[in-house]
């Protein structure tokens, strides 16, 4: 073999090897395998319902399975920590809510992550909370609630699903704005809180709207007002506490957002944002969410989620400092 022939053969062989090796280095389009969607609570709550409804719709948009992973504990913080620690490849996502994303770090020094440790993809939905009273209290509206509580400082209590939850912080905001002295009773979840309210062992309590609606409709508890500035379109017959001059500025709700770990590649984040926008426009998705008491977010990024998260942290920080809440 002449030297020129040898060189030609080597060149041809090199091209063949390069051609054969190319597929091994090429990246398949995202996504090409199942996605894990972490929910920081056990099955059955409002965040889990949101995650499952979203997961089904996202799977249709992305063409791959979206598997719900319930990682309960520490008010959602364990699931959030797992999400921020995951590889930023788009195959581990998180449905986060107010408690674990905006509040947890403010009240619990063992929580190490903050909002900068997430890649914001988009807001999913919001829900107000609702202040209720036991049917036996005789209280029918906010006027009677404030008058009764002011007439007997320290006599009455309100319950929430736990220390440092958005429900607890909403209760403290009501106390601050109306100048009330009431005792907070933290329960280990919604079920025991409901039992005491329905059994008339507790005067007042706060629910996420979706959790409280069945008991309000059945007459087992009386709704005094939702915790936002305006009435929820899902319950226009329930007054908003922010409508009362004594509670002016009251505007606290539960929200749910789709998040990824920090440093999610821009093409992956863009693909997820597009898919989420399509989900939010889906009549089937909207109906499922609205039936649970949620107001679905505007499709196409009506909210700058990164800025919104920062503003939520600042809002809750003021309440935490006023009430001196810590775990």
C-alpha atoms as a PDB file:
ATOM      1  CA  UNK A   1       0.000   0.000   0.000  1.00  0.00           C
ATOM      2  CA  UNK A   2       1.412   3.378  -0.979  1.00  0.00           C
ATOM      3  CA  UNK A   3       1.605   6.169   1.570  1.00  0.00           C
ATOM      4  CA  UNK A   4      -1.102   8.149  -0.215  1.00  0.00           C
ATOM      5  CA  UNK A   5      -3.417   5.132  -0.272  1.00  0.00           C
ATOM      6  CA  UNK A   6      -2.712   4.533   3.428  1.00  0.00           C
ATOM      7  CA  UNK A   7      -3.582   8.133   4.258  1.00  0.00           C
ATOM      8  CA  UNK A   8      -6.809   7.932   2.255  1.00  0.00           C
ATOM      9  CA  UNK A   9      -7.841   4.711   4.015  1.00  0.00           C
ATOM     10  CA  UNK A  10      -7.120   6.193   7.431  1.00  0.00           C
ATOM     11  CA  UNK A  11      -9.124   9.292   6.611  1.00  0.00           C
ATOM     12  CA  UNK A  12     -12.065   7.180   5.469  1.00  0.00           C
ATOM     13  CA  UNK A  13     -11.847   5.053   8.597  1.00  0.00           C
ATOM     14  CA  UNK A  14     -11.726   8.149  10.796  1.00  0.00           C
ATOM     15  CA  UNK A  15     -14.822   9.570   9.128  1.00  0.00           C
ATOM     16  CA  UNK A  16     -16.659   6.293   9.620  1.00  0.00           C
ATOM     17  CA  UNK A  17     -15.735   6.196  13.301  1.00  0.00           C
ATOM     18  CA  UNK A  18     -16.822   9.781  13.769  1.00  0.00           C
ATOM     19  CA  UNK A  19     -20.099   9.074  12.003  1.00  0.00           C
ATOM     20  CA  UNK A  20     -20.746   6.020  14.150  1.00  0.00           C
ATOM     21  CA  UNK A  21     -19.844   7.874  17.346  1.00  0.00           C
ATOM     22  CA  UNK A  22     -22.003  10.927  16.593  1.00  0.00           C
ATOM     23  CA  UNK A  23     -25.317   9.510  17.836  1.00  0.00           C
ATOM     24  CA  UNK A  24     -23.722   8.667  21.185  1.00  0.00           C
ATOM     25  CA  UNK A  25     -22.947  12.351  21.755  1.00  0.00           C
ATOM     26  CA  UNK A  26     -26.141  13.798  20.287  1.00  0.00           C
ATOM     27  CA  UNK A  27     -28.735  14.912  22.819  1.00  0.00           C
ATOM     28  CA  UNK A  28     -32.288  13.709  22.343  1.00  0.00           C
ATOM     29  CA  UNK A  29     -34.891  16.461  22.497  1.00  0.00           C
ATOM     30  CA  UNK A  30     -36.324  17.236  25.957  1.00  0.00           C
ATOM     31  CA  UNK A  31     -38.204  15.435  27.376  1.00  0.00           C
ATOM     32  CA  UNK A  32     -37.488  11.853  26.380  1.00  0.00           C
ATOM     33  CA  UNK A  33     -38.172   9.992  29.631  1.00  0.00           C
ATOM     34  CA  UNK A  34     -40.563  10.207  32.615  1.00  0.00           C
ATOM     35  CA  UNK A  35     -40.576  13.354  34.766  1.00  0.00           C
ATOM     36  CA  UNK A  36     -40.851  13.230  38.556  1.00  0.00           C
ATOM     37  CA  UNK A  37     -43.163  15.892  39.964  1.00  0.00           C
ATOM     38  CA  UNK A  38     -42.521  16.319  43.696  1.00  0.00           C
ATOM     39  CA  UNK A  39     -45.339  17.357  46.039  1.00  0.00           C
ATOM     40  CA  UNK A  40     -44.204  18.189  49.573  1.00  0.00           C
ATOM     41  CA  UNK A  41     -47.260  16.708  51.277  1.00  0.00           C
ATOM     42  CA  UNK A  42     -49.024  13.354  51.614  1.00  0.00           C
ATOM     43  CA  UNK A  43     -51.778  12.498  49.154  1.00  0.00           C
ATOM     44  CA  UNK A  44     -55.155  14.145  49.615  1.00  0.00           C
ATOM     45  CA  UNK A  45     -54.448  17.812  50.359  1.00  0.00           C
ATOM     46  CA  UNK A  46     -54.867  20.883  48.163  1.00  0.00           C
ATOM     47  CA  UNK A  47     -51.245  20.867  46.960  1.00  0.00           C
ATOM     48  CA  UNK A  48     -51.450  17.168  46.109  1.00  0.00           C
ATOM     49  CA  UNK A  49     -54.698  17.723  44.218  1.00  0.00           C
ATOM     50  CA  UNK A  50     -53.087  20.555  42.272  1.00  0.00           C
ATOM     51  CA  UNK A  51     -50.005  18.431  41.526  1.00  0.00           C
ATOM     52  CA  UNK A  52     -52.011  15.462  40.291  1.00  0.00           C
ATOM     53  CA  UNK A  53     -54.286  17.586  38.125  1.00  0.00           C
ATOM     54  CA  UNK A  54     -51.266  19.385  36.671  1.00  0.00           C
ATOM     55  CA  UNK A  55     -49.288  16.155  36.217  1.00  0.00           C
ATOM     56  CA  UNK A  56     -52.000  14.556  34.085  1.00  0.00           C
ATOM     57  CA  UNK A  57     -52.267  17.636  31.875  1.00  0.00           C
ATOM     58  CA  UNK A  58     -48.492  18.127  31.559  1.00  0.00           C
ATOM     59  CA  UNK A  59     -48.024  14.496  30.526  1.00  0.00           C
ATOM     60  CA  UNK A  60     -50.377  15.071  27.602  1.00  0.00           C
ATOM     61  CA  UNK A  61     -48.532  18.234  26.576  1.00  0.00           C
ATOM     62  CA  UNK A  62     -45.008  16.828  26.912  1.00  0.00           C
ATOM     63  CA  UNK A  63     -45.671  13.320  25.627  1.00  0.00           C
ATOM     64  CA  UNK A  64     -43.961  11.544  28.542  1.00  0.00           C
ATOM     65  CA  UNK A  65     -45.283  10.217  31.875  1.00  0.00           C
ATOM     66  CA  UNK A  66     -45.307  12.684  34.766  1.00  0.00           C
ATOM     67  CA  UNK A  67     -45.061  10.734  38.006  1.00  0.00           C
ATOM     68  CA  UNK A  68     -46.236  12.315  41.271  1.00  0.00           C
ATOM     69  CA  UNK A  69     -43.782  11.829  44.139  1.00  0.00           C
ATOM     70  CA  UNK A  70     -45.266  12.659  47.547  1.00  0.00           C
ATOM     71  CA  UNK A  71     -42.452  13.666  49.905  1.00  0.00           C
ATOM     72  CA  UNK A  72     -44.223  14.778  53.070  1.00  0.00           C
ATOM     73  CA  UNK A  73     -42.799  16.258  56.252  1.00  0.00           C
ATOM     74  CA  UNK A  74     -41.815  19.575  57.841  1.00  0.00           C
ATOM     75  CA  UNK A  75     -44.707  21.441  56.251  1.00  0.00           C
ATOM     76  CA  UNK A  76     -43.526  20.708  52.732  1.00  0.00           C
ATOM     77  CA  UNK A  77     -39.897  21.650  53.378  1.00  0.00           C
ATOM     78  CA  UNK A  78     -38.501  18.108  52.973  1.00  0.00           C
ATOM     79  CA  UNK A  79     -40.004  17.840  49.508  1.00  0.00           C
ATOM     80  CA  UNK A  80     -38.766  21.315  48.611  1.00  0.00           C
ATOM     81  CA  UNK A  81     -35.235  20.446  49.727  1.00  0.00           C
ATOM     82  CA  UNK A  82     -35.277  17.301  47.599  1.00  0.00           C
ATOM     83  CA  UNK A  83     -36.404  19.353  44.614  1.00  0.00           C
ATOM     84  CA  UNK A  84     -33.695  22.026  44.928  1.00  0.00           C
ATOM     85  CA  UNK A  85     -31.045  19.299  45.397  1.00  0.00           C
ATOM     86  CA  UNK A  86     -32.026  17.474  42.199  1.00  0.00           C
ATOM     87  CA  UNK A  87     -30.040  17.643  38.964  1.00  0.00           C
ATOM     88  CA  UNK A  88     -31.132  20.687  36.930  1.00  0.00           C
ATOM     89  CA  UNK A  89     -32.108  18.668  33.881  1.00  0.00           C
ATOM     90  CA  UNK A  90     -35.881  19.103  33.856  1.00  0.00           C
ATOM     91  CA  UNK A  91     -36.654  15.575  35.008  1.00  0.00           C
ATOM     92  CA  UNK A  92     -37.355  16.581  38.613  1.00  0.00           C
ATOM     93  CA  UNK A  93     -39.908  19.351  39.086  1.00  0.00           C
ATOM     94  CA  UNK A  94     -41.790  20.680  42.099  1.00  0.00           C
ATOM     95  CA  UNK A  95     -45.312  21.905  42.786  1.00  0.00           C
ATOM     96  CA  UNK A  96     -44.628  24.413  45.532  1.00  0.00           C
ATOM     97  CA  UNK A  97     -47.044  26.341  47.730  1.00  0.00           C
ATOM     98  CA  UNK A  98     -46.780  29.350  50.028  1.00  0.00           C
ATOM     99  CA  UNK A  99     -45.760  27.443  53.159  1.00  0.00           C
ATOM    100  CA  UNK A 100     -42.649  25.652  51.971  1.00  0.00           C
ATOM    101  CA  UNK A 101     -41.450  28.141  49.336  1.00  0.00           C
ATOM    102  CA  UNK A 102     -41.984  31.545  50.960  1.00  0.00           C
ATOM    103  CA  UNK A 103     -42.541  30.940  54.686  1.00  0.00           C
ATOM    104  CA  UNK A 104     -40.511  27.933  55.873  1.00  0.00           C
ATOM    105  CA  UNK A 105     -37.110  29.641  55.955  1.00  0.00           C
ATOM    106  CA  UNK A 106     -38.542  32.615  57.872  1.00  0.00           C
ATOM    107  CA  UNK A 107     -39.628  30.514  60.848  1.00  0.00           C
ATOM    108  CA  UNK A 108     -37.322  27.502  60.788  1.00  0.00           C
ATOM    109  CA  UNK A 109     -33.563  28.046  60.902  1.00  0.00           C
ATOM    110  CA  UNK A 110     -32.898  24.455  59.823  1.00  0.00           C
ATOM    111  CA  UNK A 111     -34.351  25.203  56.373  1.00  0.00           C
ATOM    112  CA  UNK A 112     -31.364  26.005  54.172  1.00  0.00           C
ATOM    113  CA  UNK A 113     -32.939  26.718  50.775  1.00  0.00           C
ATOM    114  CA  UNK A 114     -34.535  29.974  49.667  1.00  0.00           C
ATOM    115  CA  UNK A 115     -36.466  31.195  46.631  1.00  0.00           C
ATOM    116  CA  UNK A 116     -33.244  31.717  44.654  1.00  0.00           C
ATOM    117  CA  UNK A 117     -32.675  27.959  44.769  1.00  0.00           C
ATOM    118  CA  UNK A 118     -35.606  27.392  42.414  1.00  0.00           C
ATOM    119  CA  UNK A 119     -36.039  28.057  38.716  1.00  0.00           C
ATOM    120  CA  UNK A 120     -39.481  29.684  38.449  1.00  0.00           C
ATOM    121  CA  UNK A 121     -41.534  28.145  35.648  1.00  0.00           C
ATOM    122  CA  UNK A 122     -44.979  29.549  36.292  1.00  0.00           C
ATOM    123  CA  UNK A 123     -47.870  30.227  38.633  1.00  0.00           C
ATOM    124  CA  UNK A 124     -50.536  27.512  38.487  1.00  0.00           C
ATOM    125  CA  UNK A 125     -53.417  28.755  40.621  1.00  0.00           C
ATOM    126  CA  UNK A 126     -54.391  30.638  43.760  1.00  0.00           C
ATOM    127  CA  UNK A 127     -56.919  30.062  46.506  1.00  0.00           C
ATOM    128  CA  UNK A 128     -58.064  32.243  49.362  1.00  0.00           C
ATOM    129  CA  UNK A 129     -58.240  31.006  52.903  1.00  0.00           C
ATOM    130  CA  UNK A 130     -61.472  31.399  54.822  1.00  0.00           C
ATOM    131  CA  UNK A 131     -62.139  32.397  58.429  1.00  0.00           C
ATOM    132  CA  UNK A 132     -64.916  30.255  59.900  1.00  0.00           C
ATOM    133  CA  UNK A 133     -66.685  29.852  63.216  1.00  0.00           C
ATOM    134  CA  UNK A 134     -68.408  26.895  64.798  1.00  0.00           C
ATOM    135  CA  UNK A 135     -72.135  26.676  64.204  1.00  0.00           C
ATOM    136  CA  UNK A 136     -72.742  26.912  67.974  1.00  0.00           C
ATOM    137  CA  UNK A 137     -70.929  30.241  68.410  1.00  0.00           C
ATOM    138  CA  UNK A 138     -73.902  32.302  67.247  1.00  0.00           C
ATOM    139  CA  UNK A 139     -71.532  34.542  65.232  1.00  0.00           C
ATOM    140  CA  UNK A 140     -72.770  35.199  61.703  1.00  0.00           C
ATOM    141  CA  UNK A 141     -70.479  37.897  60.300  1.00  0.00           C
ATOM    142  CA  UNK A 142     -67.218  39.814  60.749  1.00  0.00           C
ATOM    143  CA  UNK A 143     -68.853  42.599  62.772  1.00  0.00           C
ATOM    144  CA  UNK A 144     -70.057  40.124  65.383  1.00  0.00           C
ATOM    145  CA  UNK A 145     -66.711  38.297  65.366  1.00  0.00           C
ATOM    146  CA  UNK A 146     -64.678  41.457  66.048  1.00  0.00           C
ATOM    147  CA  UNK A 147     -67.147  42.785  68.651  1.00  0.00           C
ATOM    148  CA  UNK A 148     -67.214  39.509  70.552  1.00  0.00           C
ATOM    149  CA  UNK A 149     -63.424  39.068  70.511  1.00  0.00           C
ATOM    150  CA  UNK A 150     -62.802  42.665  71.618  1.00  0.00           C
ATOM    151  CA  UNK A 151     -65.299  42.376  74.450  1.00  0.00           C
ATOM    152  CA  UNK A 152     -63.393  39.466  76.009  1.00  0.00           C
ATOM    153  CA  UNK A 153     -59.644  39.744  75.248  1.00  0.00           C
ATOM    154  CA  UNK A 154     -57.902  36.391  75.512  1.00  0.00           C
ATOM    155  CA  UNK A 155     -61.094  34.398  75.934  1.00  0.00           C
ATOM    156  CA  UNK A 156     -61.368  33.078  72.389  1.00  0.00           C
ATOM    157  CA  UNK A 157     -59.078  30.909  70.291  1.00  0.00           C
ATOM    158  CA  UNK A 158     -58.601  30.203  66.630  1.00  0.00           C
ATOM    159  CA  UNK A 159     -57.070  27.114  65.087  1.00  0.00           C
ATOM    160  CA  UNK A 160     -54.903  26.471  62.062  1.00  0.00           C
ATOM    161  CA  UNK A 161     -53.252  23.432  60.515  1.00  0.00           C
ATOM    162  CA  UNK A 162     -49.922  24.210  62.207  1.00  0.00           C
ATOM    163  CA  UNK A 163     -47.375  26.761  63.412  1.00  0.00           C
ATOM    164  CA  UNK A 164     -45.961  28.904  60.645  1.00  0.00           C
ATOM    165  CA  UNK A 165     -48.442  27.839  57.986  1.00  0.00           C
ATOM    166  CA  UNK A 166     -50.081  30.424  55.758  1.00  0.00           C
ATOM    167  CA  UNK A 167     -53.281  29.769  57.735  1.00  0.00           C
ATOM    168  CA  UNK A 168     -51.502  30.685  60.984  1.00  0.00           C
ATOM    169  CA  UNK A 169     -50.053  33.837  59.445  1.00  0.00           C
ATOM    170  CA  UNK A 170     -53.466  34.830  58.087  1.00  0.00           C
ATOM    171  CA  UNK A 171     -54.895  34.501  61.600  1.00  0.00           C
ATOM    172  CA  UNK A 172     -52.144  36.681  63.041  1.00  0.00           C
ATOM    173  CA  UNK A 173     -52.778  39.294  60.357  1.00  0.00           C
ATOM    174  CA  UNK A 174     -56.462  39.404  61.288  1.00  0.00           C
ATOM    175  CA  UNK A 175     -55.491  39.882  64.943  1.00  0.00           C
ATOM    176  CA  UNK A 176     -53.031  42.659  64.107  1.00  0.00           C
ATOM    177  CA  UNK A 177     -55.333  44.642  61.847  1.00  0.00           C
ATOM    178  CA  UNK A 178     -58.420  44.353  64.048  1.00  0.00           C
ATOM    179  CA  UNK A 179     -56.506  44.795  67.328  1.00  0.00           C
ATOM    180  CA  UNK A 180     -57.622  41.457  68.783  1.00  0.00           C
ATOM    181  CA  UNK A 181     -56.128  39.346  71.568  1.00  0.00           C
ATOM    182  CA  UNK A 182     -56.805  35.689  70.718  1.00  0.00           C
ATOM    183  CA  UNK A 183     -54.881  32.468  71.294  1.00  0.00           C
ATOM    184  CA  UNK A 184     -53.619  30.455  68.362  1.00  0.00           C
ATOM    185  CA  UNK A 185     -54.071  26.682  68.607  1.00  0.00           C
ATOM    186  CA  UNK A 186     -51.931  24.753  66.113  1.00  0.00           C
ATOM    187  CA  UNK A 187     -53.329  21.422  64.943  1.00  0.00           C
ATOM    188  CA  UNK A 188     -51.480  18.605  63.234  1.00  0.00           C
ATOM    189  CA  UNK A 189     -53.331  19.076  59.968  1.00  0.00           C
ATOM    190  CA  UNK A 190     -56.806  19.938  58.764  1.00  0.00           C
ATOM    191  CA  UNK A 191     -58.607  16.788  59.990  1.00  0.00           C
ATOM    192  CA  UNK A 192     -58.302  17.387  63.763  1.00  0.00           C
ATOM    193  CA  UNK A 193     -59.000  21.100  63.283  1.00  0.00           C
ATOM    194  CA  UNK A 194     -62.199  20.208  61.450  1.00  0.00           C
ATOM    195  CA  UNK A 195     -63.214  17.753  64.184  1.00  0.00           C
ATOM    196  CA  UNK A 196     -62.954  20.395  66.918  1.00  0.00           C
ATOM    197  CA  UNK A 197     -64.752  23.077  64.908  1.00  0.00           C
ATOM    198  CA  UNK A 198     -67.598  20.792  63.871  1.00  0.00           C
ATOM    199  CA  UNK A 199     -67.783  19.407  67.428  1.00  0.00           C
ATOM    200  CA  UNK A 200     -68.002  22.964  68.819  1.00  0.00           C
ATOM    201  CA  UNK A 201     -64.800  22.524  70.845  1.00  0.00           C
ATOM    202  CA  UNK A 202     -63.153  25.499  69.112  1.00  0.00           C
ATOM    203  CA  UNK A 203     -64.673  28.891  68.361  1.00  0.00           C
ATOM    204  CA  UNK A 204     -62.818  29.933  65.210  1.00  0.00           C
ATOM    205  CA  UNK A 205     -60.544  28.466  62.587  1.00  0.00           C
ATOM    206  CA  UNK A 206     -58.942  29.041  59.222  1.00  0.00           C
ATOM    207  CA  UNK A 207     -59.198  26.706  56.246  1.00  0.00           C
ATOM    208  CA  UNK A 208     -57.895  26.749  52.718  1.00  0.00           C
ATOM    209  CA  UNK A 209     -61.097  27.414  50.765  1.00  0.00           C
ATOM    210  CA  UNK A 210     -61.142  23.966  49.117  1.00  0.00           C
ATOM    211  CA  UNK A 211     -60.905  22.271  52.534  1.00  0.00           C
ATOM    212  CA  UNK A 212     -63.547  24.473  54.138  1.00  0.00           C
ATOM    213  CA  UNK A 213     -66.196  24.555  51.398  1.00  0.00           C
ATOM    214  CA  UNK A 214     -67.784  21.156  52.109  1.00  0.00           C
ATOM    215  CA  UNK A 215     -68.293  22.063  55.784  1.00  0.00           C
ATOM    216  CA  UNK A 216     -69.550  25.550  54.926  1.00  0.00           C
ATOM    217  CA  UNK A 217     -72.056  24.180  52.418  1.00  0.00           C
ATOM    218  CA  UNK A 218     -73.253  21.566  54.897  1.00  0.00           C
ATOM    219  CA  UNK A 219     -73.792  24.232  57.569  1.00  0.00           C
ATOM    220  CA  UNK A 220     -71.382  22.594  60.019  1.00  0.00           C
ATOM    221  CA  UNK A 221     -69.330  25.804  60.157  1.00  0.00           C
ATOM    222  CA  UNK A 222     -70.141  29.417  59.265  1.00  0.00           C
ATOM    223  CA  UNK A 223     -67.944  31.348  56.822  1.00  0.00           C
ATOM    224  CA  UNK A 224     -67.095  34.844  58.067  1.00  0.00           C
ATOM    225  CA  UNK A 225     -64.870  35.916  55.196  1.00  0.00           C
ATOM    226  CA  UNK A 226     -62.118  34.983  52.787  1.00  0.00           C
ATOM    227  CA  UNK A 227     -58.627  36.323  53.459  1.00  0.00           C
ATOM    228  CA  UNK A 228     -58.072  38.320  50.273  1.00  0.00           C
ATOM    229  CA  UNK A 229     -58.839  41.896  49.281  1.00  0.00           C
ATOM    230  CA  UNK A 230     -61.636  40.904  46.911  1.00  0.00           C
ATOM    231  CA  UNK A 231     -64.208  38.140  46.921  1.00  0.00           C
ATOM    232  CA  UNK A 232     -63.240  34.924  45.230  1.00  0.00           C
ATOM    233  CA  UNK A 233     -65.101  34.353  41.950  1.00  0.00           C
ATOM    234  CA  UNK A 234     -65.534  30.779  43.171  1.00  0.00           C
ATOM    235  CA  UNK A 235     -67.513  31.964  46.249  1.00  0.00           C
ATOM    236  CA  UNK A 236     -68.972  35.408  45.488  1.00  0.00           C
ATOM    237  CA  UNK A 237     -71.460  35.029  48.351  1.00  0.00           C
ATOM    238  CA  UNK A 238     -68.690  34.920  50.985  1.00  0.00           C
ATOM    239  CA  UNK A 239     -67.415  38.431  51.874  1.00  0.00           C
ATOM    240  CA  UNK A 240     -63.714  39.228  51.600  1.00  0.00           C
ATOM    241  CA  UNK A 241     -62.180  40.303  54.895  1.00  0.00           C
ATOM    242  CA  UNK A 242     -60.305  43.037  53.036  1.00  0.00           C
ATOM    243  CA  UNK A 243     -63.636  44.709  52.311  1.00  0.00           C
ATOM    244  CA  UNK A 244     -63.986  45.599  56.012  1.00  0.00           C
ATOM    245  CA  UNK A 245     -62.358  48.977  56.856  1.00  0.00           C
ATOM    246  CA  UNK A 246     -60.906  47.491  60.064  1.00  0.00           C
ATOM    247  CA  UNK A 247     -59.137  44.818  58.006  1.00  0.00           C
ATOM    248  CA  UNK A 248     -58.128  47.054  55.114  1.00  0.00           C
ATOM    249  CA  UNK A 249     -55.107  45.680  53.276  1.00  0.00           C
ATOM    250  CA  UNK A 250     -55.896  42.092  54.227  1.00  0.00           C
ATOM    251  CA  UNK A 251     -54.788  40.124  51.180  1.00  0.00           C
ATOM    252  CA  UNK A 252     -53.275  36.710  51.866  1.00  0.00           C
ATOM    253  CA  UNK A 253     -53.946  33.678  49.734  1.00  0.00           C
ATOM    254  CA  UNK A 254     -52.552  30.251  49.028  1.00  0.00           C
ATOM    255  CA  UNK A 255     -50.782  29.858  45.713  1.00  0.00           C
ATOM    256  CA  UNK A 256     -49.319  26.956  43.788  1.00  0.00           C
ATOM    257  CA  UNK A 257     -46.367  27.272  41.417  1.00  0.00           C
ATOM    258  CA  UNK A 258     -44.405  24.977  39.111  1.00  0.00           C
ATOM    259  CA  UNK A 259     -40.691  25.184  39.931  1.00  0.00           C
ATOM    260  CA  UNK A 260     -37.465  23.449  39.020  1.00  0.00           C
ATOM    261  CA  UNK A 261     -34.046  23.369  40.637  1.00  0.00           C
ATOM    262  CA  UNK A 262     -31.841  26.433  40.143  1.00  0.00           C
ATOM    263  CA  UNK A 263     -29.838  26.658  36.901  1.00  0.00           C
ATOM    264  CA  UNK A 264     -32.361  24.793  34.802  1.00  0.00           C
ATOM    265  CA  UNK A 265     -31.161  25.146  31.185  1.00  0.00           C
ATOM    266  CA  UNK A 266     -33.044  27.867  29.348  1.00  0.00           C
ATOM    267  CA  UNK A 267     -34.305  25.587  26.512  1.00  0.00           C
ATOM    268  CA  UNK A 268     -35.719  23.189  29.109  1.00  0.00           C
ATOM    269  CA  UNK A 269     -37.332  26.001  31.113  1.00  0.00           C
ATOM    270  CA  UNK A 270     -38.786  27.468  27.912  1.00  0.00           C
ATOM    271  CA  UNK A 271     -40.273  24.105  26.920  1.00  0.00           C
ATOM    272  CA  UNK A 272     -41.884  23.744  30.345  1.00  0.00           C
ATOM    273  CA  UNK A 273     -43.247  27.294  30.312  1.00  0.00           C
ATOM    274  CA  UNK A 274     -44.847  26.670  26.925  1.00  0.00           C
ATOM    275  CA  UNK A 275     -46.364  23.391  28.111  1.00  0.00           C
ATOM    276  CA  UNK A 276     -47.696  25.021  31.295  1.00  0.00           C
ATOM    277  CA  UNK A 277     -49.265  27.863  29.301  1.00  0.00           C
ATOM    278  CA  UNK A 278     -51.136  25.316  27.186  1.00  0.00           C
ATOM    279  CA  UNK A 279     -52.288  23.472  30.304  1.00  0.00           C
ATOM    280  CA  UNK A 280     -53.614  26.685  31.863  1.00  0.00           C
ATOM    281  CA  UNK A 281     -55.718  27.314  28.749  1.00  0.00           C
ATOM    282  CA  UNK A 282     -57.240  23.826  28.840  1.00  0.00           C
ATOM    283  CA  UNK A 283     -60.980  23.917  29.697  1.00  0.00           C
ATOM    284  CA  UNK A 284     -60.701  20.477  31.328  1.00  0.00           C
ATOM    285  CA  UNK A 285     -57.846  21.581  33.587  1.00  0.00           C
ATOM    286  CA  UNK A 286     -59.554  24.843  34.478  1.00  0.00           C
ATOM    287  CA  UNK A 287     -62.806  23.126  35.405  1.00  0.00           C
ATOM    288  CA  UNK A 288     -61.070  20.606  37.685  1.00  0.00           C
ATOM    289  CA  UNK A 289     -59.165  23.360  39.459  1.00  0.00           C
ATOM    290  CA  UNK A 290     -62.146  25.712  39.748  1.00  0.00           C
ATOM    291  CA  UNK A 291     -64.327  22.932  41.142  1.00  0.00           C
ATOM    292  CA  UNK A 292     -61.811  22.657  43.997  1.00  0.00           C
ATOM    293  CA  UNK A 293     -62.027  26.384  44.757  1.00  0.00           C
ATOM    294  CA  UNK A 294     -58.898  27.510  42.888  1.00  0.00           C
ATOM    295  CA  UNK A 295     -58.559  30.474  40.553  1.00  0.00           C
ATOM    296  CA  UNK A 296     -56.381  29.361  37.639  1.00  0.00           C
ATOM    297  CA  UNK A 297     -53.458  31.625  36.723  1.00  0.00           C
ATOM    298  CA  UNK A 298     -53.363  33.518  33.458  1.00  0.00           C
ATOM    299  CA  UNK A 299     -51.790  31.521  30.651  1.00  0.00           C
ATOM    300  CA  UNK A 300     -48.637  32.886  29.077  1.00  0.00           C
ATOM    301  CA  UNK A 301     -46.907  34.393  32.103  1.00  0.00           C
ATOM    302  CA  UNK A 302     -49.262  37.049  33.410  1.00  0.00           C
ATOM    303  CA  UNK A 303     -47.156  37.078  36.615  1.00  0.00           C
ATOM    304  CA  UNK A 304     -43.389  37.529  36.889  1.00  0.00           C
ATOM    305  CA  UNK A 305     -43.004  34.551  39.193  1.00  0.00           C
ATOM    306  CA  UNK A 306     -39.481  35.371  40.403  1.00  0.00           C
ATOM    307  CA  UNK A 307     -40.560  38.858  41.472  1.00  0.00           C
ATOM    308  CA  UNK A 308     -43.813  37.519  42.925  1.00  0.00           C
ATOM    309  CA  UNK A 309     -41.934  35.034  45.123  1.00  0.00           C
ATOM    310  CA  UNK A 310     -39.677  37.779  46.465  1.00  0.00           C
ATOM    311  CA  UNK A 311     -42.685  39.956  47.296  1.00  0.00           C
ATOM    312  CA  UNK A 312     -44.376  37.048  49.100  1.00  0.00           C
ATOM    313  CA  UNK A 313     -41.295  36.472  51.263  1.00  0.00           C
ATOM    314  CA  UNK A 314     -41.221  40.176  52.189  1.00  0.00           C
ATOM    315  CA  UNK A 315     -44.945  40.158  53.056  1.00  0.00           C
ATOM    316  CA  UNK A 316     -44.727  37.078  55.253  1.00  0.00           C
ATOM    317  CA  UNK A 317     -41.544  38.294  56.928  1.00  0.00           C
ATOM    318  CA  UNK A 318     -43.456  41.270  58.363  1.00  0.00           C
ATOM    319  CA  UNK A 319     -46.151  38.995  59.769  1.00  0.00           C
ATOM    320  CA  UNK A 320     -43.608  36.573  61.254  1.00  0.00           C
ATOM    321  CA  UNK A 321     -41.786  39.430  62.956  1.00  0.00           C
ATOM    322  CA  UNK A 322     -45.046  40.904  64.348  1.00  0.00           C
ATOM    323  CA  UNK A 323     -46.234  37.575  65.754  1.00  0.00           C
ATOM    324  CA  UNK A 324     -42.724  36.432  66.810  1.00  0.00           C
ATOM    325  CA  UNK A 325     -43.266  33.052  65.155  1.00  0.00           C
ATOM    326  CA  UNK A 326     -40.478  30.495  65.097  1.00  0.00           C
ATOM    327  CA  UNK A 327     -40.017  26.744  65.284  1.00  0.00           C
END
